[in-house]
C-alpha atoms as a PDB file:
ATOM      1  CA  MET A   1       8.546 -36.023-147.603  1.00  0.00           C
ATOM      2  CA  GLN A   2       5.545 -33.584-147.076  1.00  0.00           C
ATOM      3  CA  GLY A   3       4.881 -30.394-145.733  1.00  0.00           C
ATOM      4  CA  ASN A   4       7.036 -27.659-144.546  1.00  0.00           C
ATOM      5  CA  PRO A   5      10.152 -29.103-142.694  1.00  0.00           C
ATOM      6  CA  ALA A   6      11.202 -27.687-139.146  1.00  0.00           C
ATOM      7  CA  PRO A   7      13.498 -24.325-139.681  1.00  0.00           C
ATOM      8  CA  ASN A   8      16.370 -26.307-138.583  1.00  0.00           C
ATOM      9  CA  GLU A   9      16.239 -28.962-140.839  1.00  0.00           C
ATOM     10  CA  HIS A  10      16.870 -28.327-144.151  1.00  0.00           C
ATOM     11  CA  GLU A  11      18.150 -25.281-143.912  1.00  0.00           C
ATOM     12  CA  THR A  12      20.948 -26.391-146.375  1.00  0.00           C
ATOM     13  CA  VAL A  13      18.937 -26.198-149.204  1.00  0.00           C
ATOM     14  CA  GLY A  14      20.072 -22.295-149.844  1.00  0.00           C
ATOM     15  CA  ALA A  15      23.704 -22.909-149.627  1.00  0.00           C
ATOM     16  CA  TYR A  16      23.350 -25.639-151.889  1.00  0.00           C
ATOM     17  CA  ALA A  17      21.698 -23.459-154.289  1.00  0.00           C
ATOM     18  CA  LEU A  18      24.986 -21.256-153.927  1.00  0.00           C
ATOM     19  CA  GLY A  19      27.480 -23.188-154.012  1.00  0.00           C
ATOM     20  CA  ILE A  20      28.792 -22.460-151.250  1.00  0.00           C
ATOM     21  CA  LEU A  21      29.071 -25.701-149.059  1.00  0.00           C
ATOM     22  CA  ASP A  22      32.558 -27.783-149.128  1.00  0.00           C
ATOM     23  CA  ASP A  23      32.245 -31.117-150.881  1.00  0.00           C
ATOM     24  CA  ALA A  24      31.579 -33.187-147.431  1.00  0.00           C
ATOM     25  CA  GLU A  25      28.355 -31.064-146.735  1.00  0.00           C
ATOM     26  CA  ALA A  26      27.488 -31.195-150.718  1.00  0.00           C
ATOM     27  CA  THR A  27      27.247 -34.839-150.508  1.00  0.00           C
ATOM     28  CA  ALA A  28      25.531 -35.053-147.251  1.00  0.00           C
ATOM     29  CA  PHE A  29      22.617 -32.574-148.404  1.00  0.00           C
ATOM     30  CA  GLU A  30      22.244 -34.380-151.434  1.00  0.00           C
ATOM     31  CA  ALA A  31      22.130 -38.001-149.967  1.00  0.00           C
ATOM     32  CA  HIS A  32      19.258 -35.808-148.028  1.00  0.00           C
ATOM     33  CA  LEU A  33      17.467 -34.074-151.038  1.00  0.00           C
ATOM     34  CA  ALA A  34      17.236 -37.777-152.646  1.00  0.00           C
ATOM     35  CA  GLY A  35      14.229 -38.399-150.078  1.00  0.00           C
ATOM     36  CA  CYS A  36      13.122 -35.004-149.227  1.00  0.00           C
ATOM     37  CA  GLU A  37      10.500 -33.534-152.200  1.00  0.00           C
ATOM     38  CA  TRP A  38      10.055 -30.552-150.300  1.00  0.00           C
ATOM     39  CA  CYS A  39      13.588 -29.179-150.510  1.00  0.00           C
ATOM     40  CA  ALA A  40      13.270 -30.547-154.135  1.00  0.00           C
ATOM     41  CA  GLN A  41      11.184 -27.737-154.952  1.00  0.00           C
ATOM     42  CA  GLN A  42      13.052 -25.518-153.214  1.00  0.00           C
ATOM     43  CA  LEU A  43      16.015 -25.868-155.644  1.00  0.00           C
ATOM     44  CA  ASP A  44      14.241 -25.561-158.365  1.00  0.00           C
ATOM     45  CA  GLU A  45      12.960 -22.489-156.794  1.00  0.00           C
ATOM     46  CA  LEU A  46      16.154 -21.023-156.302  1.00  0.00           C
ATOM     47  CA  ALA A  47      18.044 -22.243-159.661  1.00  0.00           C
ATOM     48  CA  GLY A  48      19.874 -19.221-161.335  1.00  0.00           C
ATOM     49  CA  MET A  49      19.101 -16.570-158.112  1.00  0.00           C
ATOM     50  CA  GLU A  50      23.195 -16.778-157.043  1.00  0.00           C
ATOM     51  CA  PRO A  51      24.047 -13.974-158.620  1.00  0.00           C
ATOM     52  CA  ILE A  52      21.040 -11.620-157.463  1.00  0.00           C
ATOM     53  CA  LEU A  53      21.192 -13.157-153.509  1.00  0.00           C
ATOM     54  CA  ALA A  54      25.092 -12.542-153.867  1.00  0.00           C
ATOM     55  CA  ALA A  55      24.895  -9.460-154.317  1.00  0.00           C
ATOM     56  CA  LEU A  56      21.950  -8.551-152.193  1.00  0.00           C
ATOM     57  CA  ALA A  57      24.883 -10.203-149.654  1.00  0.00           C
ATOM     58  CA  ASP A  58      26.704  -7.070-150.240  1.00  0.00           C
ATOM     59  CA  MET A  59      23.884  -4.295-150.080  1.00  0.00           C
ATOM     60  CA  PRO A  60      23.239  -1.989-147.222  1.00  0.00           C
ATOM     61  CA  GLY A  61      20.113  -3.537-145.274  1.00  0.00           C
ATOM     62  CA  SER A  62      20.204  -6.509-146.817  1.00  0.00           C
ATOM     63  CA  GLY A  63      17.978  -9.919-145.018  1.00  0.00           C
ATOM     64  CA  THR A  64      15.070  -7.798-144.343  1.00  0.00           C
ATOM     65  CA  PRO A  65      11.881  -9.112-145.837  1.00  0.00           C
ATOM     66  CA  ALA A  66      11.233  -6.181-147.954  1.00  0.00           C
ATOM     67  CA  ILE A  67      14.150  -7.179-150.318  1.00  0.00           C
ATOM     68  CA  GLY A  68      12.468 -10.721-150.784  1.00  0.00           C
ATOM     69  CA  GLU A  69       9.526  -8.948-151.597  1.00  0.00           C
ATOM     70  CA  SER A  70      11.045  -6.750-154.027  1.00  0.00           C
ATOM     71  CA  LEU A  71      11.994 -10.385-156.170  1.00  0.00           C
ATOM     72  CA  SER A  72       9.401 -11.440-159.137  1.00  0.00           C
ATOM     73  CA  ALA A  73      10.493 -14.950-158.572  1.00  0.00           C
ATOM     74  CA  LYS A  74      10.808 -16.120-155.420  1.00  0.00           C
ATOM     75  CA  PRO A  75      10.150 -18.378-152.446  1.00  0.00           C
ATOM     76  CA  SER A  76       8.603 -17.073-148.872  1.00  0.00           C
ATOM     77  CA  PRO A  77      10.044 -13.891-147.824  1.00  0.00           C
ATOM     78  CA  ARG A  78      11.625 -15.885-144.538  1.00  0.00           C
ATOM     79  CA  LEU A  79      13.549 -17.947-146.518  1.00  0.00           C
ATOM     80  CA  VAL A  80      14.764 -14.924-148.769  1.00  0.00           C
ATOM     81  CA  GLU A  81      15.546 -13.080-145.134  1.00  0.00           C
ATOM     82  CA  LYS A  82      17.299 -16.424-144.216  1.00  0.00           C
ATOM     83  CA  LEU A  83      19.776 -17.071-147.817  1.00  0.00           C
ATOM     84  CA  ILE A  84      21.065 -13.998-148.199  1.00  0.00           C
ATOM     85  CA  ASP A  85      22.213 -13.904-144.512  1.00  0.00           C
ATOM     86  CA  GLU A  86      23.478 -16.909-144.959  1.00  0.00           C
ATOM     87  CA  VAL A  87      25.471 -15.853-147.672  1.00  0.00           C
ATOM     88  CA  ALA A  88      26.468 -12.331-145.991  1.00  0.00           C
ATOM     89  CA  GLU A  89      27.933 -14.472-143.171  1.00  0.00           C
ATOM     90  CA  ARG A  90      29.741 -16.596-145.418  1.00  0.00           C
ATOM     91  CA  ARG A  91      31.214 -13.889-147.193  1.00  0.00           C
ATOM     92  CA  ALA A  92      32.361 -12.303-144.263  1.00  0.00           C
ATOM     93  CA  GLN A  93      33.849 -15.842-143.222  1.00  0.00           C
ATOM     94  CA  LYS A  94      35.970 -15.224-146.141  1.00  0.00           C
ATOM     95  CA  ARG A  95      36.815 -12.283-145.742  1.00  0.00           C
ATOM     96  CA  ARG A  96      37.993 -12.767-142.151  1.00  0.00           C
ATOM     97  CA  ARG A  97      40.594 -15.618-143.468  1.00  0.00           C
ATOM     98  CA  ALA A  98      41.947 -13.484-146.030  1.00  0.00           C
ATOM     99  CA  PHE A  99      42.546 -10.876-143.710  1.00  0.00           C
ATOM    100  CA  TYR A 100      44.392 -13.045-141.427  1.00  0.00           C
ATOM    101  CA  LEU A 101      46.809 -14.783-144.008  1.00  0.00           C
ATOM    102  CA  VAL A 102      47.486 -11.392-145.164  1.00  0.00           C
ATOM    103  CA  ALA A 103      47.873  -9.846-142.144  1.00  0.00           C
ATOM    104  CA  ALA A 104      50.036 -13.121-141.440  1.00  0.00           C
ATOM    105  CA  ALA A 105      51.803 -12.855-144.655  1.00  0.00           C
ATOM    106  CA  ALA A 106      52.853  -8.685-143.970  1.00  0.00           C
ATOM    107  CA  ALA A 107      54.318  -9.701-140.558  1.00  0.00           C
ATOM    108  CA  LEU A 108      56.723 -12.451-142.154  1.00  0.00           C
ATOM    109  CA  ILE A 109      57.701  -9.246-145.373  1.00  0.00           C
ATOM    110  CA  ILE A 110      58.098  -6.822-142.303  1.00  0.00           C
ATOM    111  CA  GLY A 111      60.576  -8.688-140.012  1.00  0.00           C
ATOM    112  CA  GLY A 112      62.049 -10.494-142.850  1.00  0.00           C
ATOM    113  CA  PRO A 113      65.263  -7.662-143.994  1.00  0.00           C
ATOM    114  CA  LEU A 114      65.237  -5.653-140.983  1.00  0.00           C
ATOM    115  CA  SER A 115      65.263  -6.683-136.784  1.00  0.00           C
ATOM    116  CA  VAL A 116      65.638  -5.931-133.981  1.00  0.00           C
ATOM    117  CA  TYR A 117      66.771  -8.178-131.181  1.00  0.00           C
ATOM    118  CA  ALA A 118      67.316  -7.509-127.315  1.00  0.00           C
ATOM    119  CA  VAL A 119      68.925 -10.040-125.607  1.00  0.00           C
ATOM    120  CA  SER A 120      67.204 -10.202-122.216  1.00  0.00           C
ATOM    121  CA  GLY A 121      64.105 -11.715-120.797  1.00  0.00           C
ATOM    122  CA  SER A 122      60.824 -12.137-123.255  1.00  0.00           C
ATOM    123  CA  ASP A 123      57.296 -12.075-121.921  1.00  0.00           C
ATOM    124  CA  THR A 124      56.212 -13.538-125.285  1.00  0.00           C
ATOM    125  CA  GLY A 125      58.288 -17.352-125.026  1.00  0.00           C
ATOM    126  CA  GLY A 126      60.265 -19.176-126.869  1.00  0.00           C
ATOM    127  CA  THR A 127      60.153 -17.880-130.219  1.00  0.00           C
ATOM    128  CA  ALA A 128      61.573 -14.335-128.886  1.00  0.00           C
ATOM    129  CA  ASN A 129      64.741 -16.808-127.415  1.00  0.00           C
ATOM    130  CA  VAL A 130      65.456 -17.981-131.082  1.00  0.00           C
ATOM    131  CA  ALA A 131      65.543 -14.823-132.770  1.00  0.00           C
ATOM    132  CA  VAL A 132      67.697 -13.286-129.670  1.00  0.00           C
ATOM    133  CA  SER A 133      70.283 -16.282-130.240  1.00  0.00           C
ATOM    134  CA  SER A 134      70.567 -15.746-134.291  1.00  0.00           C
ATOM    135  CA  ALA A 135      71.142 -12.008-133.796  1.00  0.00           C
ATOM    136  CA  GLN A 136      74.038 -12.217-131.540  1.00  0.00           C
ATOM    137  CA  ALA A 137      75.045 -15.588-133.338  1.00  0.00           C
ATOM    138  CA  ALA A 138      74.864 -12.883-136.677  1.00  0.00           C
ATOM    139  CA  PHE A 139      77.166 -10.320-134.848  1.00  0.00           C
ATOM    140  CA  GLN A 140      79.544 -13.031-133.176  1.00  0.00           C
ATOM    141  CA  GLU A 141      80.271 -14.787-136.882  1.00  0.00           C
ATOM    142  CA  MET A 142      80.494 -11.493-138.848  1.00  0.00           C
ATOM    143  CA  PRO A 143      84.503 -11.177-139.581  1.00  0.00           C
ATOM    144  CA  ASP A 144      84.353  -7.351-139.318  1.00  0.00           C
ATOM    145  CA  LYS A 145      84.114  -5.366-136.237  1.00  0.00           C
ATOM    146  CA  VAL A 146      84.375  -1.758-135.070  1.00  0.00           C
ATOM    147  CA  THR A 147      84.018   0.016-131.595  1.00  0.00           C
ATOM    148  CA  VAL A 148      83.565   2.980-130.663  1.00  0.00           C
ATOM    149  CA  THR A 149      82.688   4.424-126.746  1.00  0.00           C
ATOM    150  CA  ASP A 150      81.382   7.854-127.268  1.00  0.00           C
ATOM    151  CA  PRO A 151      83.242  10.941-124.747  1.00  0.00           C
ATOM    152  CA  THR A 152      79.828  12.689-124.681  1.00  0.00           C
ATOM    153  CA  SER A 153      76.957  10.273-124.116  1.00  0.00           C
ATOM    154  CA  HIS A 154      79.482   7.275-123.081  1.00  0.00           C
ATOM    155  CA  VAL A 155      77.320   4.939-125.266  1.00  0.00           C
ATOM    156  CA  THR A 156      79.511   2.360-126.272  1.00  0.00           C
ATOM    157  CA  ALA A 157      78.242   1.190-130.215  1.00  0.00           C
ATOM    158  CA  THR A 158      80.126  -1.854-132.106  1.00  0.00           C
ATOM    159  CA  VAL A 159      78.865  -2.398-135.820  1.00  0.00           C
ATOM    160  CA  ALA A 160      79.983  -5.294-137.385  1.00  0.00           C
ATOM    161  CA  LEU A 161      79.225  -5.587-141.388  1.00  0.00           C
ATOM    162  CA  GLN A 162      79.714  -8.237-144.624  1.00  0.00           C
ATOM    163  CA  LYS A 163      79.397  -7.944-147.412  1.00  0.00           C
ATOM    164  CA  LYS A 164      76.586  -8.417-149.676  1.00  0.00           C
ATOM    165  CA  ASP A 165      75.291  -8.373-153.209  1.00  0.00           C
ATOM    166  CA  TRP A 166      72.781  -6.470-152.079  1.00  0.00           C
ATOM    167  CA  GLY A 167      75.296  -4.349-150.269  1.00  0.00           C
ATOM    168  CA  THR A 168      75.827  -4.312-146.419  1.00  0.00           C
ATOM    169  CA  ASP A 169      74.527  -6.425-143.612  1.00  0.00           C
ATOM    170  CA  ALA A 170      74.954  -4.693-140.441  1.00  0.00           C
ATOM    171  CA  VAL A 171      74.436  -5.702-136.678  1.00  0.00           C
ATOM    172  CA  LEU A 172      74.839  -3.082-134.055  1.00  0.00           C
ATOM    173  CA  GLU A 173      75.491  -3.865-130.366  1.00  0.00           C
ATOM    174  CA  LEU A 174      74.663  -1.050-128.163  1.00  0.00           C
ATOM    175  CA  LYS A 175      75.675  -0.637-124.648  1.00  0.00           C
ATOM    176  CA  ASN A 176      75.400   1.853-121.791  1.00  0.00           C
ATOM    177  CA  VAL A 177      71.918   3.680-123.595  1.00  0.00           C
ATOM    178  CA  ALA A 178      69.602   4.858-121.194  1.00  0.00           C
ATOM    179  CA  GLY A 179      65.860   5.090-122.104  1.00  0.00           C
ATOM    180  CA  PRO A 180      63.257   5.701-122.977  1.00  0.00           C
ATOM    181  CA  GLN A 181      63.991   7.634-126.444  1.00  0.00           C
ATOM    182  CA  LYS A 182      63.683   6.681-129.706  1.00  0.00           C
ATOM    183  CA  CYS A 183      66.699   6.103-131.796  1.00  0.00           C
ATOM    184  CA  SER A 184      68.090   5.322-135.937  1.00  0.00           C
ATOM    185  CA  LEU A 185      70.686   3.288-137.376  1.00  0.00           C
ATOM    186  CA  ILE A 186      72.091   5.554-140.253  1.00  0.00           C
ATOM    187  CA  ALA A 187      74.812   4.075-142.706  1.00  0.00           C
ATOM    188  CA  VAL A 188      77.076   7.736-144.089  1.00  0.00           C
ATOM    189  CA  GLY A 189      78.214   7.096-147.792  1.00  0.00           C
ATOM    190  CA  ARG A 190      81.378   8.452-148.601  1.00  0.00           C
ATOM    191  CA  ASN A 191      79.450  10.347-150.933  1.00  0.00           C
ATOM    192  CA  GLY A 192      77.152  11.845-148.369  1.00  0.00           C
ATOM    193  CA  GLU A 193      74.473   9.809-149.027  1.00  0.00           C
ATOM    194  CA  ARG A 194      72.293   8.521-145.694  1.00  0.00           C
ATOM    195  CA  GLN A 195      70.795   5.294-145.339  1.00  0.00           C
ATOM    196  CA  THR A 196      68.606   4.388-142.262  1.00  0.00           C
ATOM    197  CA  LEU A 197      69.336   0.509-141.568  1.00  0.00           C
ATOM    198  CA  SER A 198      66.808   0.178-138.828  1.00  0.00           C
ATOM    199  CA  THR A 199      65.134   1.933-135.863  1.00  0.00           C
ATOM    200  CA  TRP A 200      64.157   1.408-132.452  1.00  0.00           C
ATOM    201  CA  SER A 201      63.009   2.361-128.564  1.00  0.00           C
ATOM    202  CA  VAL A 202      65.166   1.976-125.686  1.00  0.00           C
ATOM    203  CA  PRO A 203      62.765   1.429-122.820  1.00  0.00           C
ATOM    204  CA  THR A 204      62.950   2.715-119.251  1.00  0.00           C
ATOM    205  CA  TRP A 205      65.310   0.229-117.755  1.00  0.00           C
ATOM    206  CA  GLY A 206      67.745   0.694-120.686  1.00  0.00           C
ATOM    207  CA  TYR A 207      70.403  -1.268-122.658  1.00  0.00           C
ATOM    208  CA  GLY A 208      74.104  -2.881-121.761  1.00  0.00           C
ATOM    209  CA  LEU A 209      74.156  -0.587-118.467  1.00  0.00           C
ATOM    210  CA  PRO A 210      76.540  -2.232-116.137  1.00  0.00           C
ATOM    211  CA  ASN A 211      74.222  -0.211-112.786  1.00  0.00           C
ATOM    212  CA  ALA A 212      71.098  -1.620-114.073  1.00  0.00           C
ATOM    213  CA  THR A 213      69.001  -2.734-110.833  1.00  0.00           C
ATOM    214  CA  THR A 214      67.202  -5.476-113.519  1.00  0.00           C
ATOM    215  CA  GLU A 215      68.925  -8.547-115.744  1.00  0.00           C
ATOM    216  CA  LYS A 216      67.087  -7.034-118.849  1.00  0.00           C
ATOM    217  CA  GLY A 217      68.790  -3.827-118.448  1.00  0.00           C
ATOM    218  CA  LYS A 218      72.637  -4.846-117.949  1.00  0.00           C
ATOM    219  CA  LYS A 219      72.352  -6.915-121.490  1.00  0.00           C
ATOM    220  CA  PRO A 220      72.577  -5.066-124.864  1.00  0.00           C
ATOM    221  CA  LEU A 221      70.528  -4.504-127.231  1.00  0.00           C
ATOM    222  CA  TYR A 222      71.003  -6.172-130.876  1.00  0.00           C
ATOM    223  CA  VAL A 223      69.922  -3.961-133.628  1.00  0.00           C
ATOM    224  CA  ARG A 224      69.978  -5.514-137.619  1.00  0.00           C
ATOM    225  CA  GLY A 225      69.997  -3.721-140.803  1.00  0.00           C
ATOM    226  CA  GLY A 226      70.916  -3.446-144.538  1.00  0.00           C
ATOM    227  CA  ALA A 227      72.424  -1.041-146.438  1.00  0.00           C
ATOM    228  CA  ALA A 228      72.570  -0.669-150.102  1.00  0.00           C
ATOM    229  CA  LEU A 229      75.852   0.379-149.977  1.00  0.00           C
ATOM    230  CA  ASP A 230      79.486  -1.892-150.244  1.00  0.00           C
ATOM    231  CA  PRO A 231      81.133  -1.583-147.060  1.00  0.00           C
ATOM    232  CA  ASN A 232      83.777   0.407-149.007  1.00  0.00           C
ATOM    233  CA  GLU A 233      81.115   2.829-149.824  1.00  0.00           C
ATOM    234  CA  ILE A 234      79.900   3.303-146.609  1.00  0.00           C
ATOM    235  CA  ASP A 235      82.162   6.210-144.364  1.00  0.00           C
ATOM    236  CA  HIS A 236      80.347   5.846-140.565  1.00  0.00           C
ATOM    237  CA  PHE A 237      77.749   4.627-139.349  1.00  0.00           C
ATOM    238  CA  GLU A 238      75.749   6.959-137.014  1.00  0.00           C
ATOM    239  CA  VAL A 239      73.385   5.964-133.782  1.00  0.00           C
ATOM    240  CA  MET A 240      70.694   9.325-133.676  1.00  0.00           C
ATOM    241  CA  THR A 241      68.280   9.887-131.544  1.00  0.00           C
ATOM    242  CA  PHE A 242      65.131  11.135-132.624  1.00  0.00           C
ATOM    243  CA  GLU A 243      65.204  14.033-131.198  1.00  0.00           C
ATOM    244  CA  GLY A 244      68.194  14.751-133.761  1.00  0.00           C
ATOM    245  CA  LYS A 245      71.169  13.834-130.508  1.00  0.00           C
ATOM    246  CA  LYS A 246      73.895  11.419-132.059  1.00  0.00           C
ATOM    247  CA  LEU A 247      75.021   8.995-129.473  1.00  0.00           C
ATOM    248  CA  ALA A 248      77.686   7.395-131.311  1.00  0.00           C
ATOM    249  CA  GLU A 249      79.644   7.811-134.641  1.00  0.00           C
ATOM    250  CA  VAL A 250      81.278   5.040-135.956  1.00  0.00           C
ATOM    251  CA  LYS A 251      84.282   5.375-138.490  1.00  0.00           C
ATOM    252  CA  LEU A 252      84.882   2.603-140.956  1.00  0.00           C
END
């Protein structure tokens, strides 16, 4: 095959030279290369240029004819520009895939040990409902529970807890709490040490309100967290607002 081919026919020669084609793409190009004299010539010219093009792909203002013209041993400026742009795009795709994987892993890690669950309707579909059922089941299965209704705030708090090798697994059931406000569940040790198990936000409709106008406002909030204290080392739990107001104190 002689002459300069159409731009969209043999453009993978640069990607092949850079080693960024997958196995299927590389096999297809090699079959084409066997009968294409132009691509064979371009491949010879590009041999050994991968480190240079890869570095240029990361430089500000890359992909311009001026960069191509600065190379001492080079194909046409148009081809160099195309190759640099292709390397930059491939690298950008790899960065985006890596970011999504890291974000997904981070979400799983963050959502693992400390979780907040509301037994109410959800706009997010079945996944949220599974999480809600799991939290409520954990609360019901834990053998030790302590309930208190604060005489001032009228909030009812029940803490279910279970001893673990790493400390205490606890689930808080919260009722008659109005919103909007932000709260924390805190374990207070017998030695005075304070550990925050979890934090959450109460929406305007509240949780566990018997006179609520919506079904989700009538249902309680379940908050699950862990403390690096054995149950016998905990004196009490506190439900506190971010403003420092104590909504309930559950004495063990």
